[in-house]
Amino acid sequence: MSEPYGKYRPLVTIVGRPNVGKSTLFNRLVKQRKSIIHDQPGVTRDVLIAPVKGEDFYIADTGGLLPEELRSNDDFAPYIAKLVEGIIPASDLVLVIVDGKAGLTPADEFIIEHIRRQNKPFLLIINKAESTKVKQDPEWLSLGVPEDKIWYISALHGKGVPELIQIVKSFLPKIEKKQDQREEIPKISIVGRPNVGKSTLLNAIIGYERALVSEIAGTTRDVVEVPVTYYGKEFILVDTAGLRKKSAVDSAIEAYSITRTVKAIEASDVVILLMSAEEPATRQDLRIFNLVVSRWKGIVVALNKWDIVAHESHQFQHKLINYVRGRLTPMNDVPIVTVSAREKKRVHKVVDVALNVYKKLIFRVPTSQLNRYLLPIIQETPPPSYKGKYVKIKYVTQAGVKPPTFVFFTNFPEGIKESYKRFLEKKIREKWDFTGVPIKLDFKSKWKEGT
C-alpha cells in the first residue's frame, strides 16, 4: 500500500490564516522558491511538502485557514480547510504562524484552539518580528502558550530561522538512517490538461485527500510533491497545474503556475500524462506529450474517467486505445493504462507501470551485448554512402542513462541519415524493452575522413 512521506523523515506542518508569511518561511526552509508568494490572499491552495535543506525532516506549507464565519465568498476555503485537516494527523509537529505586525486576531485564536483539540505538539511562531515592540507585546502570552514554545522570526529576512530549525529538531522523533542512502528516489509527475483528474489521481494513489480537488478549472496552482512509500519502494509523486495553451491563460498567477509545471516536468524522471477517456489525444494532450518527449522523460499515458466508457463493448474500448496510440507519433512505444481515479480503479496499476518505466530509464546494456547484437545487423544493412564514400560503424556503447544514450563510432557522423537512426533505434527496442522511454543516439567520429 501507499504510505505518504515514507518512513524515513518526520513531517512538520506550517498552519495559519492567509498572508501571515507561511509560504515565505516554507521557501526559506527548503531554500527554493517552491511555494508561490503573492499579495493576493488565498494564492496557496494545496499542501506543499519538501525536505528542509540540509536536515532530515519534511516541511509542509498549507493554505490559509479560517473559521467558517470568516470565509466570506472564498469558494476554495472549505477545500483548503479539508486539506489542512488531512495533513495535521500525519504531522509530528505543527508550526502555528501569526503576523507580529498585525497583532492577534480571532482567526489566530481559532487556529491555536483547533490545534490544541487535535492533541498535536505545536510551536507559536510570531513572524514579521523585526521590531522589539512585537516581542514585548503581552498579547502573545495571553494565549496560554509556554514562553519556550513561542519563537520570534522574520521569515522574509531570515532572522531567527536557523535557531527555529534547531528548536524544531528537538521536538521531532529520532529516525534511523536508511542503510543505502546512495539510491536515488525517482520523481514521478502527473501532468495533463485542466480538469482531467490529476489531483484526484494523486489522492487515490496515496489513499487520502492530499491535493485540492474542485470542479473549478485551474484549482491546482502550485506543484504539489508527496514523498510516498509504495510496497517498500520510495518515490516522489508530483501533482501539477493543468497545462493549457497560452491564449487561454488569463492571470499572472496562472502563467507562473504553468511555468512551474514545465519546470516540474524537466525535474521529473517519469511523467504520467493523464488524458480524459471522454476526449482523449486532443491537440493540447499531444502538445504536452511532445513537451515531455522533447525533455527525454519516461512517459506513461493514463486514460482517466474510464468508468464512463466501461459499459461500451470491448471492440469500442480497443479502438479507443488504438486511436490514442496512433496519435502518439513519432514515439508510439508508450504504455497506456486505463484508470478511474474517482472510483479508485487501477490507480496502483499506473504506479506499477511508472516505476517499471523508471527501471528501464536507468537500465544499462553491457557493451559486449550491444556489439554482439548490433554489429552483425549493421554489417548486413549498412548505412547509405555519404558523398560517394562508405559509412562505417565499428563500435557502439551505452554512454548514459535517463535517457538511455547510445554512442556509435563512425567515420562519418554527419553522414548518418535520420531514416537509418530510426532503423537502429527500432533494432535496439526489438532486443531490449524500453517501452515508455525515449532513446538518444549519438554518432561520433573515430577515423579521419577517407580512411
Protein backbone atom coordinates (compact mmCIF):
# COMPACT_ATOMS: atom_id res chain seq x y z
CA MET A 1 0.00 0.00 0.00
CA SER A 2 1.00 3.64 -0.25
CA GLU A 3 2.38 5.44 2.78
CA PRO A 4 2.78 9.22 2.38
CA TYR A 5 6.07 10.81 3.50
CA GLY A 6 7.78 7.41 3.67
CA LYS A 7 9.17 6.14 6.96
CA TYR A 8 12.43 7.96 6.92
CA ARG A 9 11.71 11.62 7.76
CA PRO A 10 9.35 13.31 10.24
CA LEU A 11 6.85 15.88 8.98
CA VAL A 12 6.45 19.46 10.27
CA THR A 13 3.41 21.41 9.09
CA ILE A 14 3.01 25.21 8.91
CA VAL A 15 -0.53 26.49 9.52
CA GLY A 16 -2.01 29.95 9.91
CA ARG A 17 -4.51 32.39 8.47
CA PRO A 18 -3.91 33.86 4.99
CA ASN A 19 -0.98 36.21 4.35
CA VAL A 20 0.96 35.73 7.58
CA GLY A 21 4.13 34.52 5.79
CA LYS A 22 3.67 30.75 5.73
CA SER A 23 4.97 30.35 2.18
CA THR A 24 7.85 32.76 2.80
CA LEU A 25 9.01 30.64 5.74
CA PHE A 26 8.49 27.43 3.74
CA ASN A 27 10.60 28.69 0.83
CA ARG A 28 13.36 29.82 3.18
CA LEU A 29 13.47 26.44 4.90
CA VAL A 30 13.64 24.44 1.67
CA LYS A 31 15.92 27.10 0.09
CA GLN A 32 13.91 27.09 -3.13
CA ARG A 33 11.00 29.13 -4.43
CA LYS A 34 8.65 26.14 -4.37
CA SER A 35 5.61 27.93 -2.99
CA ILE A 36 4.01 30.79 -4.92
CA ILE A 37 4.13 34.08 -3.00
CA HIS A 38 1.72 36.87 -3.85
CA ASP A 39 -0.01 39.73 -2.01
CA GLN A 40 -3.37 38.34 -3.11
CA PRO A 41 -4.88 36.25 -0.27
CA GLY A 42 -5.56 32.59 -0.94
CA VAL A 43 -2.81 32.00 -3.51
CA THR A 44 -1.62 28.86 -1.72
CA ARG A 45 -4.34 26.24 -2.00
CA ASP A 46 -2.66 22.84 -1.98
CA VAL A 47 -0.45 21.36 0.69
CA LEU A 48 3.18 21.56 -0.43
CA ILE A 49 5.79 19.26 1.10
CA ALA A 50 9.56 19.36 0.63
CA PRO A 51 12.66 18.34 2.59
CA VAL A 52 14.25 21.08 4.67
CA LYS A 53 17.62 21.88 3.12
CA GLY A 54 20.38 20.03 4.97
CA GLU A 55 18.01 18.46 7.52
CA ASP A 56 16.28 15.10 7.95
CA PHE A 57 12.69 16.28 8.12
CA TYR A 58 9.97 17.47 5.74
CA ILE A 59 8.16 20.79 5.96
CA ALA A 60 4.59 21.31 4.71
CA ASP A 61 3.08 24.59 3.57
CA THR A 62 -0.70 24.89 3.76
CA GLY A 63 -3.39 27.27 2.55
CA GLY A 64 -4.75 29.97 4.81
CA LEU A 65 -7.05 28.53 7.46
CA LEU A 66 -10.11 30.47 8.62
CA PRO A 67 -13.16 29.72 10.79
CA GLU A 68 -16.38 29.31 8.80
CA GLU A 69 -17.76 32.73 9.74
CA LEU A 70 -14.70 34.47 8.27
CA ARG A 71 -14.51 32.62 4.95
CA SER A 72 -16.73 35.18 3.13
CA ASN A 73 -17.13 34.28 -0.54
CA ASP A 74 -13.95 32.22 -0.98
CA ASP A 75 -15.04 29.16 -2.96
CA PHE A 76 -11.86 27.32 -2.05
CA ALA A 77 -11.87 27.94 1.73
CA PRO A 78 -13.81 24.72 2.61
CA TYR A 79 -11.49 22.66 0.38
CA ILE A 80 -8.37 24.21 1.91
CA ALA A 81 -9.69 23.54 5.42
CA LYS A 82 -10.29 19.91 4.45
CA LEU A 83 -6.70 19.53 3.23
CA VAL A 84 -5.31 21.08 6.41
CA GLU A 85 -7.49 18.70 8.44
CA GLY A 86 -5.97 15.82 6.49
CA ILE A 87 -2.33 16.80 6.98
CA ILE A 88 -2.36 17.60 10.72
CA PRO A 89 -2.86 13.98 11.94
CA ALA A 90 0.13 12.91 9.82
CA SER A 91 2.35 15.67 11.25
CA ASP A 92 4.91 15.22 14.00
CA LEU A 93 4.93 18.93 14.87
CA VAL A 94 2.79 21.93 13.87
CA LEU A 95 4.08 25.49 13.49
CA VAL A 96 1.27 27.98 14.05
CA ILE A 97 2.43 31.18 12.40
CA VAL A 98 0.92 34.62 13.13
CA ASP A 99 1.62 38.15 11.88
CA GLY A 100 3.52 40.06 14.56
CA LYS A 101 2.87 43.44 12.94
CA ALA A 102 -0.88 42.92 12.58
CA GLY A 103 -1.26 41.56 16.10
CA LEU A 104 -3.50 38.80 17.41
CA THR A 105 -6.76 38.19 15.53
CA PRO A 106 -9.81 35.97 16.18
CA ALA A 107 -8.64 33.73 13.31
CA ASP A 108 -5.29 33.18 15.09
CA GLU A 109 -7.06 32.23 18.32
CA PHE A 110 -9.34 29.87 16.41
CA ILE A 111 -6.37 28.08 14.81
CA ILE A 112 -4.48 27.68 18.09
CA GLU A 113 -7.53 26.22 19.83
CA HIS A 114 -8.13 23.96 16.86
CA ILE A 115 -4.57 22.56 17.02
CA ARG A 116 -4.89 22.08 20.77
CA ARG A 117 -8.01 19.96 20.22
CA GLN A 118 -6.04 17.85 17.75
CA ASN A 119 -3.63 16.94 20.56
CA LYS A 120 -0.65 17.76 18.39
CA PRO A 121 2.55 19.37 19.71
CA PHE A 122 2.93 22.86 18.29
CA LEU A 123 5.08 25.97 18.41
CA LEU A 124 3.71 29.50 18.11
CA ILE A 125 5.78 31.40 15.54
CA ILE A 126 5.50 35.20 15.61
CA ASN A 127 6.52 36.29 12.11
CA LYS A 128 7.48 39.81 10.95
CA ALA A 129 9.06 40.38 14.36
CA GLU A 130 11.75 42.80 13.18
CA SER A 131 10.68 45.34 15.82
CA THR A 132 11.39 44.82 19.52
CA LYS A 133 7.86 46.09 20.21
CA VAL A 134 6.49 42.86 18.79
CA LYS A 135 8.43 40.78 21.30
CA GLN A 136 7.29 42.98 24.16
CA ASP A 137 3.61 42.70 23.26
CA PRO A 138 1.91 40.81 26.16
CA GLU A 139 -1.00 39.58 24.00
CA TRP A 140 1.04 36.58 22.78
CA LEU A 141 1.39 35.31 26.34
CA SER A 142 -2.37 35.68 26.83
CA LEU A 143 -2.86 32.65 24.56
CA GLY A 144 -1.57 30.34 27.27
CA VAL A 145 1.35 29.07 25.19
CA PRO A 146 4.50 28.49 27.29
CA GLU A 147 7.26 31.01 26.57
CA ASP A 148 9.68 28.29 25.50
CA LYS A 149 7.22 27.38 22.70
CA ILE A 150 6.94 30.94 21.35
CA TRP A 151 9.51 31.98 18.77
CA TYR A 152 10.00 35.33 17.06
CA ILE A 153 11.30 35.39 13.50
CA SER A 154 11.42 37.33 10.26
CA ALA A 155 10.82 34.79 7.50
CA LEU A 156 11.46 37.44 4.85
CA HIS A 157 14.89 38.38 6.19
CA GLY A 158 15.80 35.02 7.75
CA LYS A 159 16.17 36.43 11.25
CA GLY A 160 15.69 33.72 13.88
CA VAL A 161 15.12 30.95 11.30
CA PRO A 162 18.36 28.97 11.94
CA GLU A 163 17.53 28.93 15.67
CA LEU A 164 13.97 27.86 14.87
CA ILE A 165 15.28 24.85 12.92
CA GLN A 166 17.26 23.67 15.95
CA ILE A 167 14.23 24.06 18.23
CA VAL A 168 12.04 22.15 15.76
CA LYS A 169 14.56 19.29 15.66
CA SER A 170 14.44 18.99 19.44
CA PHE A 171 10.70 18.22 19.22
CA LEU A 172 10.99 15.59 16.48
CA PRO A 173 11.39 11.83 16.89
CA LYS A 174 14.80 10.37 16.16
CA ILE A 175 14.95 8.45 12.91
CA GLU A 176 17.12 5.62 11.69
CA LYS A 177 19.13 6.38 8.61
CA LYS A 178 18.48 4.24 5.56
CA GLN A 179 21.23 1.68 5.03
CA ASP A 180 21.72 2.74 1.42
CA GLN A 181 21.42 6.49 1.12
CA ARG A 182 23.02 6.43 -2.34
CA GLU A 183 19.94 5.07 -4.10
CA GLU A 184 18.13 7.78 -5.99
CA ILE A 185 14.44 8.32 -5.29
CA PRO A 186 12.53 8.54 -8.56
CA LYS A 187 10.30 11.54 -9.19
CA ILE A 188 7.02 10.85 -10.98
CA SER A 189 4.89 13.79 -12.16
CA ILE A 190 1.22 13.78 -13.13
CA VAL A 191 0.53 16.24 -15.96
CA GLY A 192 -2.35 16.99 -18.29
CA ARG A 193 -4.96 19.50 -19.36
CA PRO A 194 -7.04 21.25 -16.66
CA ASN A 195 -9.75 19.14 -15.04
CA VAL A 196 -8.70 15.73 -16.34
CA GLY A 197 -8.38 14.44 -12.75
CA LYS A 198 -4.71 14.91 -11.86
CA SER A 199 -5.31 15.79 -8.20
CA THR A 200 -7.98 13.09 -7.88
CA LEU A 201 -5.46 10.53 -9.16
CA LEU A 202 -2.81 11.69 -6.69
CA ASN A 203 -5.29 11.44 -3.81
CA ALA A 204 -6.42 7.99 -4.96
CA ILE A 205 -2.85 6.70 -5.12
CA ILE A 206 -1.86 7.86 -1.64
CA GLY A 207 -5.24 6.96 -0.13
CA TYR A 208 -6.42 10.29 1.28
CA GLU A 209 -7.06 13.89 0.23
CA ARG A 210 -3.69 15.49 -0.19
CA ALA A 211 -4.29 17.71 -3.24
CA LEU A 212 -7.19 20.10 -3.62
CA VAL A 213 -9.94 18.76 -5.90
CA SER A 214 -12.65 21.02 -7.30
CA GLU A 215 -14.80 21.33 -10.42
CA ILE A 216 -13.35 24.83 -10.86
CA ALA A 217 -10.73 24.83 -13.62
CA GLY A 218 -7.27 25.96 -12.51
CA THR A 219 -7.73 24.82 -8.90
CA THR A 220 -4.17 23.47 -8.65
CA ARG A 221 -1.65 26.31 -8.85
CA ASP A 222 1.40 25.01 -7.05
CA VAL A 223 3.44 21.97 -7.92
CA VAL A 224 2.40 19.50 -5.20
CA GLU A 225 5.06 16.96 -4.19
CA VAL A 226 4.30 13.96 -1.98
CA PRO A 227 7.04 11.59 -0.78
CA VAL A 228 5.49 8.10 -0.91
CA THR A 229 6.48 4.62 0.20
CA TYR A 230 4.72 2.09 -2.02
CA TYR A 231 5.19 -1.57 -1.05
CA GLY A 232 8.65 -0.73 0.20
CA LYS A 233 9.56 1.41 -2.82
CA GLU A 234 10.12 5.11 -2.28
CA PHE A 235 9.33 7.78 -4.83
CA ILE A 236 8.17 11.39 -5.07
CA LEU A 237 4.71 11.84 -6.59
CA VAL A 238 4.08 15.28 -8.13
CA ASP A 239 0.74 16.91 -8.98
CA THR A 240 0.91 19.87 -11.34
CA ALA A 241 -1.24 22.72 -12.62
CA GLY A 242 -3.22 21.97 -15.78
CA LEU A 243 -1.38 22.92 -18.94
CA ARG A 244 -3.45 24.92 -21.39
CA LYS A 245 -2.40 26.82 -24.49
CA LYS A 246 -1.01 30.31 -23.87
CA SER A 247 -4.01 32.13 -25.32
CA ALA A 248 -6.21 30.62 -22.60
CA VAL A 249 -4.02 31.81 -19.70
CA ASP A 250 -5.73 34.79 -18.08
CA SER A 251 -3.73 35.70 -14.97
CA ALA A 252 -0.14 36.24 -13.88
CA ILE A 253 -0.52 33.64 -11.12
CA GLU A 254 -1.75 31.02 -13.58
CA ALA A 255 1.06 31.84 -16.02
CA TYR A 256 3.58 31.37 -13.21
CA SER A 257 1.90 28.07 -12.25
CA ILE A 258 2.31 26.80 -15.80
CA THR A 259 5.97 27.78 -15.80
CA ARG A 260 6.38 25.79 -12.59
CA THR A 261 4.66 22.80 -14.21
CA VAL A 262 7.08 22.85 -17.14
CA LYS A 263 9.98 23.01 -14.69
CA ALA A 264 8.45 20.11 -12.75
CA ILE A 265 8.43 18.05 -15.95
CA GLU A 266 12.08 18.91 -16.53
CA ALA A 267 12.93 17.82 -12.96
CA SER A 268 10.98 14.55 -13.25
CA ASP A 269 12.17 11.09 -14.20
CA VAL A 270 8.82 9.73 -15.36
CA VAL A 271 5.69 11.64 -16.38
CA ILE A 272 2.16 10.26 -16.16
CA LEU A 273 0.27 12.05 -18.93
CA LEU A 274 -3.36 11.98 -17.87
CA MET A 275 -5.99 12.18 -20.60
CA SER A 276 -9.77 12.03 -20.39
CA ALA A 277 -11.36 8.94 -21.95
CA GLU A 278 -14.24 11.23 -22.94
CA GLU A 279 -11.97 13.26 -25.23
CA PRO A 280 -8.52 11.66 -25.49
CA ALA A 281 -5.47 12.69 -27.50
CA THR A 282 -6.60 16.28 -28.10
CA ARG A 283 -4.21 18.78 -29.66
CA GLN A 284 -3.26 20.04 -26.21
CA ASP A 285 -2.68 16.46 -24.98
CA LEU A 286 -0.30 15.95 -27.89
CA ARG A 287 1.47 19.25 -27.21
CA ILE A 288 2.10 18.08 -23.65
CA PHE A 289 3.20 14.65 -24.92
CA ASN A 290 5.75 16.26 -27.27
CA LEU A 291 6.93 18.55 -24.45
CA VAL A 292 7.63 15.51 -22.25
CA VAL A 293 9.37 13.53 -25.01
CA SER A 294 11.48 16.54 -26.04
CA ARG A 295 12.75 16.67 -22.44
CA TRP A 296 13.75 12.98 -22.71
CA LYS A 297 11.49 11.86 -19.86
CA GLY A 298 9.95 8.44 -19.35
CA ILE A 299 6.23 8.56 -20.05
CA VAL A 300 3.05 6.67 -19.21
CA VAL A 301 -0.31 7.62 -20.73
CA ALA A 302 -3.23 7.13 -18.34
CA LEU A 303 -6.75 7.27 -19.78
CA ASN A 304 -8.81 8.58 -16.88
CA LYS A 305 -12.60 8.52 -16.42
CA TRP A 306 -12.64 5.02 -17.89
CA ASP A 307 -15.79 4.34 -15.85
CA ILE A 308 -17.63 6.47 -18.43
CA VAL A 309 -16.76 4.06 -21.27
CA ALA A 310 -16.61 0.88 -19.19
CA HIS A 311 -20.10 -0.12 -20.37
CA GLU A 312 -19.04 0.09 -24.02
CA SER A 313 -18.07 -3.02 -26.00
CA HIS A 314 -14.54 -4.40 -25.82
CA GLN A 315 -14.22 -3.59 -29.53
CA PHE A 316 -15.02 0.08 -28.84
CA GLN A 317 -12.55 0.24 -25.95
CA HIS A 318 -9.86 -1.44 -28.04
CA LYS A 319 -10.41 1.05 -30.88
CA LEU A 320 -10.20 3.97 -28.43
CA ILE A 321 -6.86 2.78 -27.06
CA ASN A 322 -5.52 2.17 -30.57
CA TYR A 323 -6.69 5.65 -31.61
CA VAL A 324 -4.66 7.18 -28.76
CA ARG A 325 -1.63 5.06 -29.58
CA GLY A 326 -1.80 6.06 -33.22
CA ARG A 327 -1.72 9.75 -32.27
CA LEU A 328 1.46 9.38 -30.21
CA THR A 329 3.92 9.88 -33.01
CA PRO A 330 6.80 9.64 -33.58
CA MET A 331 7.20 7.71 -30.30
CA ASN A 332 4.35 5.22 -30.14
CA ASP A 333 6.12 2.69 -27.90
CA VAL A 334 4.30 4.08 -24.85
CA PRO A 335 2.38 2.15 -22.15
CA ILE A 336 -1.30 3.10 -21.96
CA VAL A 337 -3.21 2.38 -18.75
CA THR A 338 -6.98 2.76 -18.33
CA VAL A 339 -7.98 4.16 -14.94
CA SER A 340 -10.84 5.67 -12.97
CA ALA A 341 -9.30 7.99 -10.38
CA ARG A 342 -12.73 8.89 -8.99
CA GLU A 343 -13.63 5.24 -8.36
CA LYS A 344 -10.02 4.34 -7.41
CA LYS A 345 -9.87 1.62 -10.06
CA ARG A 346 -6.47 0.56 -11.46
CA VAL A 347 -4.78 3.58 -9.87
CA HIS A 348 -1.99 1.44 -8.45
CA LYS A 349 -1.50 -0.13 -11.87
CA VAL A 350 -0.44 3.33 -13.02
CA VAL A 351 2.18 3.41 -10.24
CA ASP A 352 3.46 -0.07 -11.11
CA VAL A 353 3.84 0.87 -14.77
CA ALA A 354 5.52 4.21 -13.97
CA LEU A 355 8.03 2.54 -11.64
CA ASN A 356 8.70 -0.07 -14.32
CA VAL A 357 9.36 2.70 -16.85
CA TYR A 358 11.83 4.22 -14.36
CA LYS A 359 13.71 0.90 -14.20
CA LYS A 360 14.05 0.99 -18.00
CA LEU A 361 15.13 4.62 -17.84
CA ILE A 362 18.17 3.66 -15.73
CA PHE A 363 18.84 0.29 -17.40
CA ARG A 364 22.30 -0.23 -18.89
CA VAL A 365 23.04 -2.66 -21.71
CA PRO A 366 26.51 -4.21 -21.41
CA THR A 367 28.82 -3.07 -24.21
CA SER A 368 29.65 -6.63 -25.22
CA GLN A 369 25.95 -7.45 -25.70
CA LEU A 370 25.38 -4.28 -27.73
CA ASN A 371 28.19 -5.00 -30.17
CA ARG A 372 27.46 -8.71 -30.43
CA TYR A 373 23.87 -7.91 -31.38
CA LEU A 374 24.12 -4.70 -33.41
CA LEU A 375 27.33 -5.04 -35.44
CA PRO A 376 26.10 -8.05 -37.49
CA ILE A 377 22.86 -6.14 -38.20
CA ILE A 378 24.85 -3.07 -39.28
CA GLN A 379 27.11 -5.24 -41.47
CA GLU A 380 24.09 -6.84 -43.13
CA THR A 381 22.26 -3.49 -43.55
CA PRO A 382 24.96 -0.78 -43.61
CA PRO A 383 24.26 2.95 -43.66
CA PRO A 384 23.84 4.57 -47.08
CA SER A 385 27.02 6.04 -48.57
CA TYR A 386 27.91 9.66 -47.89
CA LYS A 387 29.39 11.82 -50.66
CA GLY A 388 30.26 8.66 -52.56
CA LYS A 389 32.10 7.08 -49.62
CA TYR A 390 31.28 4.12 -47.43
CA VAL A 391 29.98 4.93 -43.96
CA LYS A 392 31.39 2.50 -41.42
CA ILE A 393 30.17 1.89 -37.85
CA LYS A 394 32.73 -0.12 -35.93
CA TYR A 395 31.73 0.18 -32.30
CA VAL A 396 28.77 1.06 -30.05
CA THR A 397 28.46 1.67 -26.33
CA GLN A 398 25.85 2.99 -23.90
CA ALA A 399 27.21 6.25 -22.57
CA GLY A 400 24.47 7.18 -20.10
CA VAL A 401 21.02 6.72 -18.61
CA LYS A 402 18.00 8.99 -18.05
CA PRO A 403 17.63 8.76 -21.00
CA PRO A 404 19.49 5.67 -22.26
CA THR A 405 22.11 7.16 -24.57
CA PHE A 406 23.91 5.04 -27.16
CA VAL A 407 27.06 6.25 -28.89
CA PHE A 408 28.01 4.87 -32.31
CA PHE A 409 31.58 5.43 -33.52
CA THR A 410 31.73 6.05 -37.24
CA ASN A 411 33.97 7.58 -39.86
CA PHE A 412 31.22 9.99 -40.99
CA PRO A 413 28.90 11.05 -38.11
CA GLU A 414 27.31 13.68 -40.34
CA GLY A 415 26.56 11.02 -42.94
CA ILE A 416 24.08 9.07 -40.79
CA LYS A 417 20.61 9.86 -42.09
CA GLU A 418 17.52 10.15 -39.89
CA SER A 419 15.95 7.08 -41.50
CA TYR A 420 18.97 4.98 -40.51
CA LYS A 421 18.89 6.37 -36.98
CA ARG A 422 15.25 5.24 -36.72
CA PHE A 423 16.30 1.83 -38.05
CA LEU A 424 18.95 1.45 -35.33
CA GLU A 425 16.56 2.61 -32.60
CA LYS A 426 13.95 0.10 -33.81
CA LYS A 427 16.50 -2.71 -33.60
CA ILE A 428 17.51 -1.69 -30.07
CA ARG A 429 13.87 -1.67 -28.98
CA GLU A 430 13.27 -5.08 -30.58
CA LYS A 431 16.03 -6.59 -28.44
CA TRP A 432 15.64 -4.68 -25.17
CA ASP A 433 12.42 -3.45 -23.60
CA PHE A 434 12.48 0.35 -23.49
CA THR A 435 8.71 0.84 -23.53
CA GLY A 436 7.85 4.36 -22.41
CA VAL A 437 11.46 5.53 -22.57
CA PRO A 438 12.94 7.86 -25.20
CA ILE A 439 16.28 6.68 -26.56
CA LYS A 440 19.06 9.05 -27.58
CA LEU A 441 21.51 8.05 -30.33
CA ASP A 442 24.80 9.95 -30.74
CA PHE A 443 27.30 9.46 -33.55
CA LYS A 444 30.94 10.32 -33.06
CA SER A 445 33.95 10.24 -35.33
CA LYS A 446 36.62 7.59 -34.81
CA TRP A 447 38.54 7.86 -38.07
CA LYS A 448 39.66 10.68 -40.30
CA GLU A 449 37.66 11.17 -43.44
CA GLY A 450 38.89 8.99 -46.31
CA THR A 451 40.18 6.19 -44.06
